[in-house]
C-alpha atoms as a PDB file:
ATOM      1  CA  MET A   1      44.983  31.017  28.684  1.00  0.00           C
ATOM      2  CA  ASN A   2      46.046  27.537  27.325  1.00  0.00           C
ATOM      3  CA  PRO A   3      43.351  25.940  25.126  1.00  0.00           C
ATOM      4  CA  SER A   4      44.041  22.623  27.001  1.00  0.00           C
ATOM      5  CA  ASP A   5      43.368  24.369  30.345  1.00  0.00           C
ATOM      6  CA  GLU A   6      39.686  25.010  29.215  1.00  0.00           C
ATOM      7  CA  VAL A   7      39.179  21.529  27.898  1.00  0.00           C
ATOM      8  CA  LEU A   8      40.147  20.517  31.586  1.00  0.00           C
ATOM      9  CA  ARG A   9      38.024  22.800  33.325  1.00  0.00           C
ATOM     10  CA  GLY A  10      35.080  21.779  31.039  1.00  0.00           C
ATOM     11  CA  GLY A  11      35.357  18.209  32.422  1.00  0.00           C
ATOM     12  CA  TYR A  12      35.923  16.536  29.125  1.00  0.00           C
ATOM     13  CA  ILE A  13      39.138  15.242  27.731  1.00  0.00           C
ATOM     14  CA  SER A  14      39.055  13.697  24.308  1.00  0.00           C
ATOM     15  CA  THR A  15      41.587  10.885  24.010  1.00  0.00           C
ATOM     16  CA  SER A  16      41.105  10.366  20.303  1.00  0.00           C
ATOM     17  CA  LEU A  17      43.494  12.007  17.960  1.00  0.00           C
ATOM     18  CA  ASP A  18      41.817  10.847  14.797  1.00  0.00           C
ATOM     19  CA  PRO A  19      38.842  12.673  13.003  1.00  0.00           C
ATOM     20  CA  PRO A  20      35.619  11.296  13.354  1.00  0.00           C
ATOM     21  CA  ALA A  21      35.095   8.298  10.646  1.00  0.00           C
ATOM     22  CA  ALA A  22      32.571   9.533   7.659  1.00  0.00           C
ATOM     23  CA  MET A  23      29.088   8.571   7.697  1.00  0.00           C
ATOM     24  CA  PHE A  24      29.080   7.726   3.922  1.00  0.00           C
ATOM     25  CA  GLN A  25      32.017   6.831   1.710  1.00  0.00           C
ATOM     26  CA  ARG A  26      32.380   7.264  -1.954  1.00  0.00           C
ATOM     27  CA  THR A  27      33.934   4.450  -4.214  1.00  0.00           C
ATOM     28  CA  SER A  28      34.511   3.853  -7.789  1.00  0.00           C
ATOM     29  CA  ILE A  29      32.840   1.009  -9.303  1.00  0.00           C
ATOM     30  CA  PRO A  30      34.282  -0.186 -12.706  1.00  0.00           C
ATOM     31  CA  ILE A  31      30.891  -0.544 -14.620  1.00  0.00           C
ATOM     32  CA  PRO A  32      30.763   1.104 -18.041  1.00  0.00           C
ATOM     33  CA  PHE A  33      27.900   3.004 -18.766  1.00  0.00           C
ATOM     34  CA  THR A  34      27.510   3.088 -22.685  1.00  0.00           C
ATOM     35  CA  GLY A  35      24.108   4.937 -22.698  1.00  0.00           C
ATOM     36  CA  THR A  36      21.655   7.068 -20.642  1.00  0.00           C
ATOM     37  CA  VAL A  37      20.656   5.583 -17.188  1.00  0.00           C
ATOM     38  CA  THR A  38      17.114   6.373 -16.558  1.00  0.00           C
ATOM     39  CA  HIS A  39      16.397   4.388 -13.536  1.00  0.00           C
ATOM     40  CA  LEU A  40      18.513   2.999 -10.811  1.00  0.00           C
ATOM     41  CA  ARG A  41      17.766   1.248  -7.484  1.00  0.00           C
ATOM     42  CA  VAL A  42      20.399  -0.233  -4.975  1.00  0.00           C
ATOM     43  CA  CYS A  43      19.345  -2.469  -2.099  1.00  0.00           C
ATOM     44  CA  SER A  44      21.503  -4.766   0.099  1.00  0.00           C
ATOM     45  CA  GLY A  45      24.628  -4.517  -2.437  1.00  0.00           C
ATOM     46  CA  PHE A  46      22.689  -5.243  -5.505  1.00  0.00           C
ATOM     47  CA  LEU A  47      22.105  -2.736  -8.206  1.00  0.00           C
ATOM     48  CA  ILE A  48      19.682  -2.671 -11.195  1.00  0.00           C
ATOM     49  CA  TYR A  49      19.405   0.012 -13.584  1.00  0.00           C
ATOM     50  CA  VAL A  50      17.910   1.034 -16.979  1.00  0.00           C
ATOM     51  CA  MET A  51      20.312   2.148 -19.792  1.00  0.00           C
ATOM     52  CA  VAL A  52      19.112   3.438 -22.899  1.00  0.00           C
ATOM     53  CA  ASN A  53      20.905   4.568 -26.222  1.00  0.00           C
ATOM     54  CA  ARG A  54      20.241   4.792 -29.847  1.00  0.00           C
ATOM     55  CA  GLU A  55      20.776   1.047 -30.217  1.00  0.00           C
ATOM     56  CA  MET A  56      19.300  -0.655 -27.510  1.00  0.00           C
ATOM     57  CA  LYS A  57      17.249  -0.446 -24.116  1.00  0.00           C
ATOM     58  CA  VAL A  58      18.450  -2.731 -21.600  1.00  0.00           C
ATOM     59  CA  ILE A  59      17.603  -3.746 -17.820  1.00  0.00           C
ATOM     60  CA  ARG A  60      21.228  -4.489 -16.358  1.00  0.00           C
ATOM     61  CA  ARG A  61      22.113  -5.595 -12.785  1.00  0.00           C
ATOM     62  CA  ALA A  62      25.266  -5.657 -10.819  1.00  0.00           C
ATOM     63  CA  ASN A  63      26.765  -6.943  -7.663  1.00  0.00           C
ATOM     64  CA  MET A  64      28.134  -4.056  -5.609  1.00  0.00           C
ATOM     65  CA  ALA A  65      30.580  -6.522  -3.616  1.00  0.00           C
ATOM     66  CA  SER A  66      32.205  -7.939  -6.613  1.00  0.00           C
ATOM     67  CA  LYS A  67      31.694  -4.528  -8.473  1.00  0.00           C
ATOM     68  CA  THR A  68      30.951  -6.054 -11.528  1.00  0.00           C
ATOM     69  CA  ASP A  69      28.169  -6.402 -13.909  1.00  0.00           C
ATOM     70  CA  GLU A  70      26.109  -9.524 -13.791  1.00  0.00           C
ATOM     71  CA  LYS A  71      26.251  -9.729 -17.669  1.00  0.00           C
ATOM     72  CA  ASP A  72      22.771 -10.839 -18.504  1.00  0.00           C
ATOM     73  CA  ASP A  73      21.247  -7.827 -20.067  1.00  0.00           C
ATOM     74  CA  ILE A  74      17.513  -7.797 -20.554  1.00  0.00           C
ATOM     75  CA  GLU A  75      16.776  -6.008 -23.922  1.00  0.00           C
ATOM     76  CA  PHE A  76      13.259  -4.265 -24.368  1.00  0.00           C
ATOM     77  CA  ARG A  77      12.586  -2.530 -27.600  1.00  0.00           C
ATOM     78  CA  ASP A  78       8.944  -1.268 -28.140  1.00  0.00           C
ATOM     79  CA  ASP A  79       8.543  -0.025 -24.602  1.00  0.00           C
ATOM     80  CA  ASP A  80       9.710   2.299 -21.780  1.00  0.00           C
ATOM     81  CA  VAL A  81      10.268   1.557 -18.200  1.00  0.00           C
ATOM     82  CA  GLU A  82       7.934   3.869 -15.963  1.00  0.00           C
ATOM     83  CA  ASN A  83       9.087   2.755 -12.515  1.00  0.00           C
ATOM     84  CA  ILE A  84      11.402   0.256 -11.056  1.00  0.00           C
ATOM     85  CA  TYR A  85      10.773  -1.247  -7.263  1.00  0.00           C
ATOM     86  CA  MET A  86      13.414  -3.429  -5.526  1.00  0.00           C
ATOM     87  CA  ASP A  87      12.583  -5.158  -1.977  1.00  0.00           C
ATOM     88  CA  PRO A  88      15.214  -4.214   1.006  1.00  0.00           C
ATOM     89  CA  THR A  89      16.865  -7.736   0.297  1.00  0.00           C
ATOM     90  CA  GLY A  90      17.411  -7.248  -3.426  1.00  0.00           C
ATOM     91  CA  ASP A  91      16.208 -10.273  -4.385  1.00  0.00           C
ATOM     92  CA  HIS A  92      12.732  -9.160  -5.856  1.00  0.00           C
ATOM     93  CA  VAL A  93      12.120  -6.511  -8.467  1.00  0.00           C
ATOM     94  CA  ILE A  94       8.856  -5.198  -9.920  1.00  0.00           C
ATOM     95  CA  ILE A  95       9.159  -3.300 -13.353  1.00  0.00           C
ATOM     96  CA  SER A  96       6.183  -1.137 -14.551  1.00  0.00           C
ATOM     97  CA  MET A  97       6.149  -0.205 -18.144  1.00  0.00           C
ATOM     98  CA  ALA A  98       4.754   2.851 -19.928  1.00  0.00           C
ATOM     99  CA  SER A  99       2.468   0.536 -21.756  1.00  0.00           C
ATOM    100  CA  GLU A 100       0.754  -0.487 -18.542  1.00  0.00           C
ATOM    101  CA  SER A 101       2.548  -3.805 -18.600  1.00  0.00           C
ATOM    102  CA  ASN A 102       4.196  -5.172 -15.488  1.00  0.00           C
ATOM    103  CA  TYR A 103       6.901  -7.513 -14.823  1.00  0.00           C
ATOM    104  CA  TYR A 104       8.705  -9.504 -11.959  1.00  0.00           C
ATOM    105  CA  LEU A 105      12.445 -10.273 -11.873  1.00  0.00           C
ATOM    106  CA  HIS A 106      14.050 -12.450  -9.246  1.00  0.00           C
ATOM    107  CA  ARG A 107      17.796 -11.989  -8.707  1.00  0.00           C
ATOM    108  CA  LEU A 108      18.375 -15.700  -9.658  1.00  0.00           C
ATOM    109  CA  SER A 109      16.392 -15.272 -12.816  1.00  0.00           C
ATOM    110  CA  LYS A 110      17.608 -14.127 -16.115  1.00  0.00           C
ATOM    111  CA  SER A 111      14.086 -13.171 -17.896  1.00  0.00           C
ATOM    112  CA  LEU A 112      11.309 -11.100 -17.047  1.00  0.00           C
ATOM    113  CA  LYS A 113       7.971 -12.786 -15.955  1.00  0.00           C
ATOM    114  CA  ILE A 114       4.683 -10.983 -16.816  1.00  0.00           C
ATOM    115  CA  LEU A 115       2.215  -9.968 -13.833  1.00  0.00           C
ATOM    116  CA  SER A 116      -0.849 -10.471 -15.942  1.00  0.00           C
ATOM    117  CA  LYS A 117      -3.563  -9.407 -13.442  1.00  0.00           C
ATOM    118  CA  PHE A 118      -1.700  -5.714 -13.152  1.00  0.00           C
ATOM    119  CA  SER A 119      -2.151  -5.598 -16.947  1.00  0.00           C
ATOM    120  CA  GLY A 120      -3.735  -2.068 -17.542  1.00  0.00           C
ATOM    121  CA  HIS A 121      -2.167  -0.543 -14.664  1.00  0.00           C
ATOM    122  CA  ILE A 122       1.076   1.383 -14.007  1.00  0.00           C
ATOM    123  CA  ILE A 123       2.372   0.703 -10.779  1.00  0.00           C
ATOM    124  CA  SER A 124       3.328   3.811  -8.858  1.00  0.00           C
ATOM    125  CA  ALA A 125       4.026   2.495  -5.325  1.00  0.00           C
ATOM    126  CA  VAL A 126       5.093  -0.740  -3.614  1.00  0.00           C
ATOM    127  CA  ALA A 127       4.908  -1.398   0.045  1.00  0.00           C
ATOM    128  CA  TRP A 128       7.418  -4.210   0.764  1.00  0.00           C
ATOM    129  CA  ASN A 129       7.375  -6.744   3.540  1.00  0.00           C
ATOM    130  CA  ASP A 130      10.175  -6.279   5.905  1.00  0.00           C
ATOM    131  CA  GLU A 131      10.649  -9.876   6.366  1.00  0.00           C
ATOM    132  CA  CYS A 132      11.124 -10.839   2.455  1.00  0.00           C
ATOM    133  CA  ALA A 133      12.595 -14.384   2.095  1.00  0.00           C
ATOM    134  CA  LEU A 134      15.064 -15.467  -0.806  1.00  0.00           C
ATOM    135  CA  ARG A 135      11.862 -17.160  -2.582  1.00  0.00           C
ATOM    136  CA  TYR A 136       8.930 -15.371  -1.055  1.00  0.00           C
ATOM    137  CA  THR A 137       7.988 -11.942  -0.712  1.00  0.00           C
ATOM    138  CA  GLY A 138       5.265 -12.261   1.992  1.00  0.00           C
ATOM    139  CA  PRO A 139       2.228  -9.737   1.579  1.00  0.00           C
ATOM    140  CA  LEU A 140       2.888  -6.783  -0.421  1.00  0.00           C
ATOM    141  CA  LEU A 141       0.932  -3.706  -1.266  1.00  0.00           C
ATOM    142  CA  VAL A 142       0.808  -2.035  -4.577  1.00  0.00           C
ATOM    143  CA  GLY A 143      -0.406   1.247  -5.559  1.00  0.00           C
ATOM    144  CA  THR A 144      -1.312   2.483  -8.992  1.00  0.00           C
ATOM    145  CA  LYS A 145      -1.612   5.662 -11.009  1.00  0.00           C
ATOM    146  CA  LYS A 146      -5.601   5.098 -11.127  1.00  0.00           C
ATOM    147  CA  GLY A 147      -5.618   5.330  -7.446  1.00  0.00           C
ATOM    148  CA  LEU A 148      -5.911   1.491  -6.511  1.00  0.00           C
ATOM    149  CA  VAL A 149      -4.419  -0.363  -3.906  1.00  0.00           C
ATOM    150  CA  PHE A 150      -3.762  -4.044  -4.246  1.00  0.00           C
ATOM    151  CA  GLU A 151      -2.514  -6.831  -1.999  1.00  0.00           C
ATOM    152  CA  THR A 152      -0.498  -9.545  -3.636  1.00  0.00           C
ATOM    153  CA  SER A 153       2.655 -11.736  -2.928  1.00  0.00           C
ATOM    154  CA  LEU A 154       5.657 -12.957  -5.114  1.00  0.00           C
ATOM    155  CA  VAL A 155       6.721 -16.384  -5.132  1.00  0.00           C
ATOM    156  CA  ALA A 156       9.786 -18.302  -6.911  1.00  0.00           C
ATOM    157  CA  SER A 157       9.973 -21.956  -7.036  1.00  0.00           C
ATOM    158  CA  GLU A 158      12.899 -24.064  -6.195  1.00  0.00           C
ATOM    159  CA  GLU A 159      13.166 -24.939  -9.959  1.00  0.00           C
ATOM    160  CA  GLY A 160      13.791 -21.551 -10.711  1.00  0.00           C
ATOM    161  CA  LYS A 161      10.186 -21.058 -12.388  1.00  0.00           C
ATOM    162  CA  PHE A 162       8.878 -17.785 -10.964  1.00  0.00           C
ATOM    163  CA  ARG A 163       5.326 -16.888 -10.707  1.00  0.00           C
ATOM    164  CA  ILE A 164       3.403 -14.209  -8.786  1.00  0.00           C
ATOM    165  CA  ALA A 165       0.760 -15.327  -6.229  1.00  0.00           C
ATOM    166  CA  SER A 166      -1.869 -14.025  -4.066  1.00  0.00           C
ATOM    167  CA  SER A 167      -3.307 -14.347  -0.559  1.00  0.00           C
ATOM    168  CA  ALA A 168      -6.505 -15.622  -2.195  1.00  0.00           C
ATOM    169  CA  ALA A 169      -5.799 -19.022  -4.144  1.00  0.00           C
ATOM    170  CA  GLU A 170      -8.049 -18.003  -7.348  1.00  0.00           C
ATOM    171  CA  GLN A 171      -6.715 -14.661  -7.685  1.00  0.00           C
ATOM    172  CA  TYR A 172      -3.147 -13.393  -8.306  1.00  0.00           C
ATOM    173  CA  ALA A 173      -3.957 -10.039  -7.059  1.00  0.00           C
ATOM    174  CA  LYS A 174      -6.794  -8.577  -4.818  1.00  0.00           C
ATOM    175  CA  GLN A 175      -7.829  -4.952  -5.051  1.00  0.00           C
ATOM    176  CA  LEU A 176      -8.429  -3.443  -1.593  1.00  0.00           C
ATOM    177  CA  TYR A 177      -9.136   0.181  -1.846  1.00  0.00           C
ATOM    178  CA  ASP A 178      -9.887   2.962  -4.363  1.00  0.00           C
ATOM    179  CA  ILE A 179      -8.689   6.377  -3.364  1.00  0.00           C
ATOM    180  CA  GLY A 180     -10.265   8.253  -6.247  1.00  0.00           C
ATOM    181  CA  ASP A 181      -8.858  10.034  -9.027  1.00  0.00           C
ATOM    182  CA  PHE A 182      -5.452  10.351  -7.399  1.00  0.00           C
ATOM    183  CA  THR A 183      -2.049   8.684  -8.213  1.00  0.00           C
ATOM    184  CA  VAL A 184      -0.677   6.695  -5.381  1.00  0.00           C
ATOM    185  CA  SER A 185       2.794   8.084  -5.166  1.00  0.00           C
ATOM    186  CA  GLY A 186       3.894   6.212  -1.839  1.00  0.00           C
ATOM    187  CA  LEU A 187       2.984   3.341   0.364  1.00  0.00           C
ATOM    188  CA  ALA A 188       4.325   1.727   3.530  1.00  0.00           C
ATOM    189  CA  TYR A 189       3.320  -0.703   6.276  1.00  0.00           C
ATOM    190  CA  GLY A 190       4.722  -1.728   9.513  1.00  0.00           C
ATOM    191  CA  ARG A 191       3.680  -3.414  12.745  1.00  0.00           C
ATOM    192  CA  VAL A 192       3.298  -1.981  16.124  1.00  0.00           C
ATOM    193  CA  THR A 193       4.288  -4.067  19.246  1.00  0.00           C
ATOM    194  CA  THR A 194       2.810  -3.068  22.366  1.00  0.00           C
ATOM    195  CA  GLY A 195       3.636  -4.205  25.945  1.00  0.00           C
ATOM    196  CA  GLN A 196       4.436  -7.808  26.332  1.00  0.00           C
ATOM    197  CA  GLN A 197       2.997  -8.534  22.704  1.00  0.00           C
ATOM    198  CA  LYS A 198       5.224 -11.317  21.101  1.00  0.00           C
ATOM    199  CA  ARG A 199       5.788 -10.283  17.410  1.00  0.00           C
ATOM    200  CA  ARG A 200       5.232 -13.897  16.145  1.00  0.00           C
ATOM    201  CA  LEU A 201       2.697 -15.131  18.654  1.00  0.00           C
ATOM    202  CA  GLN A 202       0.109 -12.446  18.979  1.00  0.00           C
ATOM    203  CA  SER A 203      -1.983 -10.640  16.548  1.00  0.00           C
ATOM    204  CA  HIS A 204      -0.482  -7.813  14.763  1.00  0.00           C
ATOM    205  CA  ASN A 205      -1.337  -4.191  14.972  1.00  0.00           C
ATOM    206  CA  ILE A 206      -0.581  -3.000  11.437  1.00  0.00           C
ATOM    207  CA  PHE A 207      -0.312   0.759  10.304  1.00  0.00           C
ATOM    208  CA  ILE A 208      -0.335   1.525   6.652  1.00  0.00           C
ATOM    209  CA  LEU A 209       0.573   5.030   5.229  1.00  0.00           C
ATOM    210  CA  LEU A 210      -0.592   6.002   1.850  1.00  0.00           C
ATOM    211  CA  VAL A 211       0.436   9.158   0.037  1.00  0.00           C
ATOM    212  CA  THR A 212      -0.791  11.112  -2.865  1.00  0.00           C
ATOM    213  CA  SER A 213       0.344  14.393  -4.265  1.00  0.00           C
ATOM    214  CA  GLY A 214      -1.541  16.372  -1.979  1.00  0.00           C
ATOM    215  CA  ARG A 215      -2.477  14.041   1.044  1.00  0.00           C
ATOM    216  CA  LEU A 216      -1.152  11.603   3.413  1.00  0.00           C
ATOM    217  CA  TYR A 217      -3.598   8.871   4.703  1.00  0.00           C
ATOM    218  CA  GLN A 218      -2.941   6.425   7.657  1.00  0.00           C
ATOM    219  CA  PHE A 219      -4.804   3.278   8.333  1.00  0.00           C
ATOM    220  CA  PHE A 220      -4.586   1.252  11.338  1.00  0.00           C
ATOM    221  CA  GLY A 221      -5.899  -2.076  12.198  1.00  0.00           C
ATOM    222  CA  THR A 222      -5.246  -5.670  13.637  1.00  0.00           C
ATOM    223  CA  VAL A 223      -4.398  -8.640  11.771  1.00  0.00           C
ATOM    224  CA  GLY A 224      -4.235 -12.485  12.529  1.00  0.00           C
ATOM    225  CA  SER A 225      -1.335 -13.874  14.314  1.00  0.00           C
ATOM    226  CA  THR A 226       0.180 -14.999  10.999  1.00  0.00           C
ATOM    227  CA  LEU A 227       0.864 -13.067   7.898  1.00  0.00           C
ATOM    228  CA  GLU A 228      -0.205 -15.985   5.744  1.00  0.00           C
ATOM    229  CA  GLY A 229      -3.906 -16.573   4.695  1.00  0.00           C
ATOM    230  CA  HIS A 230      -6.544 -14.881   3.142  1.00  0.00           C
ATOM    231  CA  SER A 231      -6.044 -11.148   2.287  1.00  0.00           C
ATOM    232  CA  VAL A 232      -3.979  -9.933   5.345  1.00  0.00           C
ATOM    233  CA  PHE A 233      -4.844  -6.290   4.933  1.00  0.00           C
ATOM    234  CA  GLN A 234      -8.350  -6.507   3.463  1.00  0.00           C
ATOM    235  CA  SER A 235     -10.081  -5.831   7.211  1.00  0.00           C
ATOM    236  CA  ILE A 236      -7.917  -2.745   7.589  1.00  0.00           C
ATOM    237  CA  PHE A 237      -9.109  -0.943   4.458  1.00  0.00           C
ATOM    238  CA  GLU A 238     -12.842  -2.257   4.764  1.00  0.00           C
ATOM    239  CA  ALA A 239     -12.891  -0.272   8.155  1.00  0.00           C
ATOM    240  CA  THR A 240     -12.474   2.877   6.002  1.00  0.00           C
ATOM    241  CA  LYS A 241     -14.850   4.356   3.408  1.00  0.00           C
ATOM    242  CA  THR A 242     -13.537   5.194  -0.098  1.00  0.00           C
ATOM    243  CA  TYR A 243     -12.525   8.707  -0.121  1.00  0.00           C
ATOM    244  CA  LYS A 244     -14.452  10.871  -2.290  1.00  0.00           C
ATOM    245  CA  LYS A 245     -13.815  14.535  -3.366  1.00  0.00           C
END
């Protein structure tokens, strides 16, 4: 039997003569790596990586659209990068160091800004807001190796001066939860819309996922009609007792 007859009997005729397009494409980027790349993140066409060699340790950025380095190396000598976290827009970066110092780097800035209220912690997870703006991240959840969860937000002023802010005016960061003697290895949160509920006009049903090396925790609750104001997530965590062994 002719193969074409089987196609006709099956009731389906493919009119395309071209193979399906590949889901992913590999392209070459002319960025010279002159050392060992220890950390790398890419979001929305912006790349940041840490490169180490015998002479220097640098944090370097690149624009994937122009396929070029930004040429604004940030050097650090007496410390090591533990983790890098980049928000989905590529505008905001949190860098946590092995010395338990932490920094904020905005895409439009050429210098690191210390996050003093996170001093003494190694940040091990960040739950970014999915509605980050260019100069404002909205509320974030930050997890640490000590098992703590904080809420904070990052703000960049119009003048290019960058600062870290919190939903509580008198604090830069607010501790919300203590999971115990476990590293917070993953954090995420999202909104759940039900029925005719309007995302911006009604209260938000929020779910939070927290991961340690051996457990997955889920938190669920309702916050006010806006994601601004005093401690967006505090009521959700207060409804749950601190985990104990």
